Amino acid sequence: MPRMQPEEKKLEVEECQQLLQLIVDGQATPEQTIAFQEHICSCKKCDEKFKLDSAIKEAIKKTCGCHQAPQELVSTIQGALQNLR
C-alpha cells in the first residue's frame, strides 16, 4: 500500500468518518482512499465502521438490486422524455 508523503497529514477519526460514505460508494479521490486505508489499518473503530457500512450497502444491493421497473412504466417515461425534446 502506498505511503503518504510527509507533507500530507494523517486522518483523524472525525475526518475518516466524514470520508466513509465517499469510500463505500467508490466516489473518493485516490488520495482520500489512500489516506483512509492507512487510517483504518491503525484504527479499529473506523475499520469496524467501514466493514459494517460496506456490509449494509452490499445487503441492500442484493435485496433491492434485482427488481426492474415494469415495461409500461419504462415506456411512459421514455415517451415523456421524447416529448421534451
Protein backbone atom coordinates (compact mmCIF):
# COMPACT_ATOMS: atom_id res chain seq x y z
CA MET A 1 0.00 0.00 0.00
CA PRO A 2 1.45 3.41 -0.93
CA ARG A 3 2.62 5.66 1.88
CA MET A 4 1.51 9.24 2.35
CA GLN A 5 4.01 11.99 1.61
CA PRO A 6 5.49 13.76 4.68
CA GLU A 7 3.60 16.97 3.88
CA GLU A 8 0.28 15.13 3.92
CA LYS A 9 -1.42 14.92 7.30
CA LYS A 10 -2.83 11.74 8.71
CA LEU A 11 -6.57 11.45 9.02
CA GLU A 12 -8.19 11.88 12.39
CA VAL A 13 -11.18 9.74 13.39
CA GLU A 14 -13.67 12.55 12.67
CA GLU A 15 -12.25 13.16 9.18
CA CYS A 16 -12.25 9.44 8.49
CA GLN A 17 -15.90 9.16 9.48
CA GLN A 18 -16.74 12.03 7.12
CA LEU A 19 -14.98 10.25 4.23
CA LEU A 20 -16.59 6.92 4.96
CA GLN A 21 -19.59 7.23 2.62
CA LEU A 22 -17.42 8.50 -0.24
CA ILE A 23 -15.18 5.48 0.24
CA VAL A 24 -18.05 2.98 0.48
CA ASP A 25 -19.71 4.50 -2.60
CA GLY A 26 -16.43 4.49 -4.58
CA GLN A 27 -16.51 8.27 -5.02
CA ALA A 28 -13.40 9.25 -3.06
CA THR A 29 -10.30 10.56 -4.79
CA PRO A 30 -7.26 8.27 -4.95
CA GLU A 31 -5.57 10.46 -2.31
CA GLN A 32 -8.57 10.23 0.01
CA THR A 33 -8.71 6.47 -0.47
CA ILE A 34 -5.03 6.03 0.39
CA ALA A 35 -5.31 8.21 3.50
CA PHE A 36 -8.46 6.35 4.56
CA GLN A 37 -6.84 2.93 4.09
CA GLU A 38 -3.80 3.96 6.08
CA HIS A 39 -6.02 5.27 8.87
CA ILE A 40 -8.16 2.14 9.19
CA CYS A 41 -5.03 -0.01 9.41
CA SER A 42 -4.35 1.54 12.80
CA CYS A 43 -7.88 2.48 13.97
CA LYS A 44 -10.11 -0.41 14.95
CA LYS A 45 -13.16 1.85 15.44
CA CYS A 46 -13.02 3.22 11.88
CA ASP A 47 -12.18 -0.18 10.40
CA GLU A 48 -15.22 -1.75 12.07
CA LYS A 49 -17.48 1.10 10.91
CA PHE A 50 -16.15 0.74 7.35
CA LYS A 51 -16.80 -3.02 7.36
CA LEU A 52 -20.30 -2.53 8.77
CA ASP A 53 -21.26 0.17 6.26
CA SER A 54 -19.83 -1.88 3.39
CA ALA A 55 -21.83 -4.94 4.52
CA ILE A 56 -25.03 -2.87 4.79
CA LYS A 57 -24.54 -1.45 1.31
CA GLU A 58 -23.93 -4.92 -0.11
CA ALA A 59 -27.03 -6.33 1.65
CA ILE A 60 -29.19 -3.51 0.28
CA LYS A 61 -27.76 -4.06 -3.19
CA LYS A 62 -28.54 -7.78 -3.06
CA THR A 63 -32.02 -7.23 -1.66
CA CYS A 64 -33.15 -4.29 -3.77
CA GLY A 65 -30.97 -4.53 -6.86
CA CYS A 66 -32.85 -7.32 -8.58
CA HIS A 67 -36.11 -5.51 -9.30
CA GLN A 68 -36.79 -3.91 -12.64
CA ALA A 69 -39.31 -1.25 -13.47
CA PRO A 70 -42.39 -2.56 -15.29
CA GLN A 71 -42.10 -2.18 -19.05
CA GLU A 72 -45.21 0.03 -19.13
CA LEU A 73 -43.53 2.49 -16.76
CA VAL A 74 -40.33 2.46 -18.81
CA SER A 75 -42.31 3.16 -21.99
CA THR A 76 -44.23 6.00 -20.33
CA ILE A 77 -41.04 7.66 -19.12
CA GLN A 78 -39.31 7.23 -22.48
CA GLY A 79 -42.34 8.75 -24.23
CA ALA A 80 -42.37 11.71 -21.85
CA LEU A 81 -38.66 12.27 -22.47
CA GLN A 82 -39.21 12.17 -26.23
CA ASN A 83 -41.93 14.83 -25.88
CA LEU A 84 -39.50 17.10 -24.02
CA ARG A 85 -37.03 17.06 -26.89
